[in-house]
Amino acid sequence: MIQCKRVYDAASPDDGYRILVDRLWPRGVKKEDLAFDEWCKALTPSSDLRKAFHGETIDFTAFREAYQQELAQHLDEGKRVAALAQKQTVTLLYGATNTQQNHALVLADWLRQLAEG
């Protein structure tokens, strides 16, 4: 199972393996205060793509398509995380305020597709 959760939400035993999937460390969070198992920068959007989306230069649909193209370049890392999710719950941690349109949701969908084969 793959789920998404904001870094600002309390950790739960149901979270399983917690992966921070932001390229930048989340604002206002001390490293020692965040419960996470790894910080996977390889599967985060590029700086240019992140800035374009947050600067509203591109909409979420265009962001999703471009991000999926970037993810395709990191297939081995994606397969590693997808394999983890087949053995235990994996929670993708993100800092974005928008819980409906963010990179972690795109990443979770992509990882689920990899896990399904």
Protein backbone atom coordinates (compact mmCIF):
# COMPACT_ATOMS: atom_id res chain seq x y z
CA MET A 1 0.00 0.00 0.00
CA ILE A 2 1.19 3.50 -0.86
CA GLN A 3 -0.28 6.54 0.84
CA CYS A 4 0.54 10.24 1.04
CA LYS A 5 0.75 12.44 4.11
CA ARG A 6 1.84 15.97 4.88
CA VAL A 7 5.05 16.24 6.91
CA TYR A 8 3.17 18.50 9.33
CA ASP A 9 0.71 15.71 10.26
CA ALA A 10 1.57 13.47 13.21
CA ALA A 11 3.30 10.18 12.52
CA SER A 12 1.23 7.04 13.04
CA PRO A 13 2.15 3.37 13.41
CA ASP A 14 -0.07 2.80 10.35
CA ASP A 15 2.36 4.86 8.23
CA GLY A 16 4.80 1.98 7.86
CA TYR A 17 7.95 3.01 5.98
CA ARG A 18 8.00 6.84 5.75
CA ILE A 19 9.76 8.47 2.77
CA LEU A 20 10.25 12.22 2.46
CA VAL A 21 9.69 13.04 -1.22
CA ASP A 22 10.40 16.79 -1.28
CA ARG A 23 13.56 18.10 -2.93
CA LEU A 24 13.87 20.83 -0.28
CA TRP A 25 13.62 20.30 3.46
CA PRO A 26 10.12 21.36 4.62
CA ARG A 27 9.86 24.76 6.25
CA GLY A 28 9.48 24.92 10.00
CA VAL A 29 10.39 21.27 10.58
CA LYS A 30 13.53 20.30 12.47
CA LYS A 31 15.28 17.24 11.07
CA GLU A 32 15.32 15.61 14.49
CA ASP A 33 11.56 16.15 14.85
CA LEU A 34 10.47 14.46 11.62
CA ALA A 35 9.93 10.71 11.82
CA PHE A 36 11.12 9.37 8.46
CA ASP A 37 13.03 6.37 7.20
CA GLU A 38 14.59 7.92 4.11
CA TRP A 39 14.73 11.08 2.05
CA CYS A 40 14.36 10.08 -1.58
CA LYS A 41 15.42 13.10 -3.65
CA ALA A 42 15.80 10.99 -6.82
CA LEU A 43 12.01 10.75 -7.21
CA THR A 44 11.25 14.43 -6.62
CA PRO A 45 10.36 16.88 -9.40
CA SER A 46 13.27 18.82 -10.85
CA SER A 47 13.80 22.33 -9.51
CA ASP A 48 12.68 23.87 -12.81
CA LEU A 49 9.47 21.83 -12.89
CA ARG A 50 8.71 22.52 -9.24
CA LYS A 51 9.23 26.27 -9.74
CA ALA A 52 7.04 26.30 -12.87
CA PHE A 53 4.18 24.59 -11.04
CA HIS A 54 4.40 26.65 -7.86
CA GLY A 55 4.83 29.83 -9.89
CA GLU A 56 1.66 28.88 -11.80
CA THR A 57 3.50 28.94 -15.14
CA ILE A 58 1.99 25.50 -15.82
CA ASP A 59 -1.21 23.89 -14.58
CA PHE A 60 -1.47 20.58 -12.73
CA THR A 61 -2.19 18.57 -15.87
CA ALA A 62 0.97 19.83 -17.58
CA PHE A 63 2.92 19.36 -14.35
CA ARG A 64 1.72 15.76 -14.02
CA GLU A 65 2.75 14.92 -17.60
CA ALA A 66 6.19 16.52 -17.27
CA TYR A 67 6.78 14.92 -13.86
CA GLN A 68 5.86 11.47 -15.18
CA GLN A 69 8.43 11.95 -17.95
CA GLU A 70 11.04 12.83 -15.32
CA LEU A 71 10.07 9.80 -13.23
CA ALA A 72 10.61 7.53 -16.24
CA GLN A 73 14.29 8.48 -16.03
CA HIS A 74 14.43 6.98 -12.51
CA LEU A 75 12.78 3.64 -13.15
CA ASP A 76 15.19 1.60 -11.00
CA GLU A 77 14.59 3.80 -7.96
CA GLY A 78 10.84 3.66 -8.58
CA LYS A 79 10.91 -0.12 -8.78
CA ARG A 80 12.83 -0.25 -5.48
CA VAL A 81 10.19 1.82 -3.69
CA ALA A 82 7.33 -0.06 -5.39
CA ALA A 83 8.85 -3.33 -4.18
CA LEU A 84 8.94 -1.97 -0.62
CA ALA A 85 5.25 -1.11 -0.92
CA GLN A 86 4.44 -4.69 -1.86
CA LYS A 87 5.88 -5.85 1.48
CA GLN A 88 4.66 -3.06 3.78
CA THR A 89 2.81 0.24 3.86
CA VAL A 90 4.83 3.10 2.38
CA THR A 91 3.90 6.67 3.27
CA LEU A 92 5.15 9.45 1.00
CA LEU A 93 5.74 12.61 3.03
CA TYR A 94 5.38 16.02 1.40
CA GLY A 95 5.21 19.62 2.52
CA ALA A 96 2.79 21.11 -0.05
CA THR A 97 -0.31 22.82 1.34
CA ASN A 98 -2.50 21.61 -1.53
CA THR A 99 -3.55 18.08 -0.63
CA GLN A 100 -5.47 17.55 -3.90
CA GLN A 101 -2.85 18.57 -6.47
CA ASN A 102 0.76 17.87 -5.56
CA HIS A 103 3.74 15.84 -6.71
CA ALA A 104 3.37 13.17 -4.01
CA LEU A 105 -0.01 12.13 -5.45
CA VAL A 106 1.50 11.83 -8.94
CA LEU A 107 4.41 9.85 -7.53
CA ALA A 108 2.10 7.54 -5.58
CA ASP A 109 0.06 6.79 -8.73
CA TRP A 110 3.25 6.08 -10.70
CA LEU A 111 4.60 3.78 -7.98
CA ARG A 112 1.28 1.89 -7.82
CA GLN A 113 1.47 1.31 -11.58
CA LEU A 114 5.01 -0.03 -11.20
CA ALA A 115 3.93 -2.32 -8.37
CA GLU A 116 1.11 -3.73 -10.51
CA GLY A 117 3.62 -4.56 -13.20
